[in-house]
Amino acid sequence: MARKDDPQTVEYETKAKNLLKSELKRKGVTYAQLAERLAAMDIHETERNLNNKISRGGFTAAFFLQCLAAIGTASLQLDG
């Protein structure tokens, strides 16, 4: 298992964080709106918690996919 301070782990956490932030911006969705949309999916996160979790970048793949579903992202461009 990769350590939290492993450079590759940090690199991919940063990529995931930036992808999620980019999608939120592209869709015009705020953290408050994301919290509401997740709540509608029975996933309860506060705006502040979302901000902290996304800023850190150390979230699960499940959380990442839940957020993408909540903002209506059906596909994602990983490079370029």
C-alpha atoms as a PDB file:
ATOM      1  CA  MET A   1       0.000   0.000   0.000  1.00  0.00           C
ATOM      2  CA  ALA A   2       1.263   3.466  -0.901  1.00  0.00           C
ATOM      3  CA  ARG A   3       2.196   5.830   1.880  1.00  0.00           C
ATOM      4  CA  LYS A   4       0.481   9.214   2.173  1.00  0.00           C
ATOM      5  CA  ASP A   5       3.812  11.024   1.748  1.00  0.00           C
ATOM      6  CA  ASP A   6       4.872   8.958  -1.278  1.00  0.00           C
ATOM      7  CA  PRO A   7       5.531  11.347  -4.202  1.00  0.00           C
ATOM      8  CA  GLN A   8       3.429   9.246  -6.589  1.00  0.00           C
ATOM      9  CA  THR A   9       0.519   9.193  -4.147  1.00  0.00           C
ATOM     10  CA  VAL A  10       0.742  12.965  -3.726  1.00  0.00           C
ATOM     11  CA  GLU A  11       0.919  13.407  -7.519  1.00  0.00           C
ATOM     12  CA  TYR A  12      -2.243  11.408  -8.159  1.00  0.00           C
ATOM     13  CA  GLU A  13      -4.135  12.969  -5.254  1.00  0.00           C
ATOM     14  CA  THR A  14      -3.295  16.358  -6.779  1.00  0.00           C
ATOM     15  CA  LYS A  15      -4.539  15.184 -10.194  1.00  0.00           C
ATOM     16  CA  ALA A  16      -7.811  13.932  -8.690  1.00  0.00           C
ATOM     17  CA  LYS A  17      -8.290  17.175  -6.757  1.00  0.00           C
ATOM     18  CA  ASN A  18      -7.621  19.300  -9.838  1.00  0.00           C
ATOM     19  CA  LEU A  19      -9.936  17.200 -12.022  1.00  0.00           C
ATOM     20  CA  LEU A  20     -12.768  17.550  -9.515  1.00  0.00           C
ATOM     21  CA  LYS A  21     -12.216  21.290  -9.041  1.00  0.00           C
ATOM     22  CA  SER A  22     -12.115  21.776 -12.827  1.00  0.00           C
ATOM     23  CA  GLU A  23     -15.380  19.913 -13.305  1.00  0.00           C
ATOM     24  CA  LEU A  24     -17.073  21.916 -10.560  1.00  0.00           C
ATOM     25  CA  LYS A  25     -15.909  25.148 -12.180  1.00  0.00           C
ATOM     26  CA  ARG A  26     -16.840  23.988 -15.700  1.00  0.00           C
ATOM     27  CA  LYS A  27     -20.348  23.089 -14.521  1.00  0.00           C
ATOM     28  CA  GLY A  28     -20.649  26.249 -12.392  1.00  0.00           C
ATOM     29  CA  VAL A  29     -21.331  24.253  -9.220  1.00  0.00           C
ATOM     30  CA  THR A  30     -20.326  25.696  -5.838  1.00  0.00           C
ATOM     31  CA  TYR A  31     -19.442  23.606  -2.785  1.00  0.00           C
ATOM     32  CA  ALA A  32     -22.805  24.600  -1.271  1.00  0.00           C
ATOM     33  CA  GLN A  33     -24.609  23.331  -4.374  1.00  0.00           C
ATOM     34  CA  LEU A  34     -22.506  20.168  -4.392  1.00  0.00           C
ATOM     35  CA  ALA A  35     -23.490  19.545  -0.758  1.00  0.00           C
ATOM     36  CA  GLU A  36     -27.173  19.897  -1.728  1.00  0.00           C
ATOM     37  CA  ARG A  37     -26.817  17.560  -4.705  1.00  0.00           C
ATOM     38  CA  LEU A  38     -24.965  14.965  -2.644  1.00  0.00           C
ATOM     39  CA  ALA A  39     -27.645  15.223   0.075  1.00  0.00           C
ATOM     40  CA  ALA A  40     -30.247  14.399  -2.572  1.00  0.00           C
ATOM     41  CA  MET A  41     -28.234  11.200  -3.146  1.00  0.00           C
ATOM     42  CA  ASP A  42     -28.302  10.541   0.642  1.00  0.00           C
ATOM     43  CA  ILE A  43     -24.633  11.520   1.003  1.00  0.00           C
ATOM     44  CA  HIS A  44     -24.316  14.113   3.723  1.00  0.00           C
ATOM     45  CA  GLU A  45     -21.341  16.466   3.637  1.00  0.00           C
ATOM     46  CA  THR A  46     -21.210  20.095   4.740  1.00  0.00           C
ATOM     47  CA  GLU A  47     -19.944  22.825   2.439  1.00  0.00           C
ATOM     48  CA  ARG A  48     -16.961  23.325   4.746  1.00  0.00           C
ATOM     49  CA  ASN A  49     -16.182  19.604   4.846  1.00  0.00           C
ATOM     50  CA  LEU A  50     -16.326  19.417   1.039  1.00  0.00           C
ATOM     51  CA  ASN A  51     -13.970  22.371   0.761  1.00  0.00           C
ATOM     52  CA  ASN A  52     -11.487  20.775   3.168  1.00  0.00           C
ATOM     53  CA  LYS A  53     -11.721  17.292   1.677  1.00  0.00           C
ATOM     54  CA  ILE A  54     -11.312  18.475  -1.915  1.00  0.00           C
ATOM     55  CA  SER A  55      -8.504  20.901  -1.021  1.00  0.00           C
ATOM     56  CA  ARG A  56      -6.541  18.090   0.637  1.00  0.00           C
ATOM     57  CA  GLY A  57      -7.105  15.790  -2.325  1.00  0.00           C
ATOM     58  CA  GLY A  58      -7.005  12.658  -0.178  1.00  0.00           C
ATOM     59  CA  PHE A  59     -10.502  11.390  -0.877  1.00  0.00           C
ATOM     60  CA  THR A  60     -11.714   7.959  -1.949  1.00  0.00           C
ATOM     61  CA  ALA A  61     -12.500   6.907  -5.486  1.00  0.00           C
ATOM     62  CA  ALA A  62     -16.098   6.415  -4.348  1.00  0.00           C
ATOM     63  CA  PHE A  63     -16.322  10.037  -3.154  1.00  0.00           C
ATOM     64  CA  PHE A  64     -14.790  11.241  -6.438  1.00  0.00           C
ATOM     65  CA  LEU A  65     -17.371   9.305  -8.479  1.00  0.00           C
ATOM     66  CA  GLN A  66     -20.231  10.443  -6.228  1.00  0.00           C
ATOM     67  CA  CYS A  67     -19.243  14.068  -6.791  1.00  0.00           C
ATOM     68  CA  LEU A  68     -19.005  13.577 -10.550  1.00  0.00           C
ATOM     69  CA  ALA A  69     -22.451  11.952 -10.572  1.00  0.00           C
ATOM     70  CA  ALA A  70     -23.875  14.779  -8.435  1.00  0.00           C
ATOM     71  CA  ILE A  71     -22.660  17.454 -10.842  1.00  0.00           C
ATOM     72  CA  GLY A  72     -23.739  15.508 -13.925  1.00  0.00           C
ATOM     73  CA  THR A  73     -20.356  14.638 -15.388  1.00  0.00           C
ATOM     74  CA  ALA A  74     -20.765  11.642 -17.683  1.00  0.00           C
ATOM     75  CA  SER A  75     -17.229  11.587 -19.089  1.00  0.00           C
ATOM     76  CA  LEU A  76     -13.870  13.005 -18.132  1.00  0.00           C
ATOM     77  CA  GLN A  77     -10.789  14.038 -20.100  1.00  0.00           C
ATOM     78  CA  LEU A  78      -7.787  12.860 -18.074  1.00  0.00           C
ATOM     79  CA  ASP A  79      -4.955  14.389 -20.126  1.00  0.00           C
ATOM     80  CA  GLY A  80      -4.742  17.423 -22.303  1.00  0.00           C
END
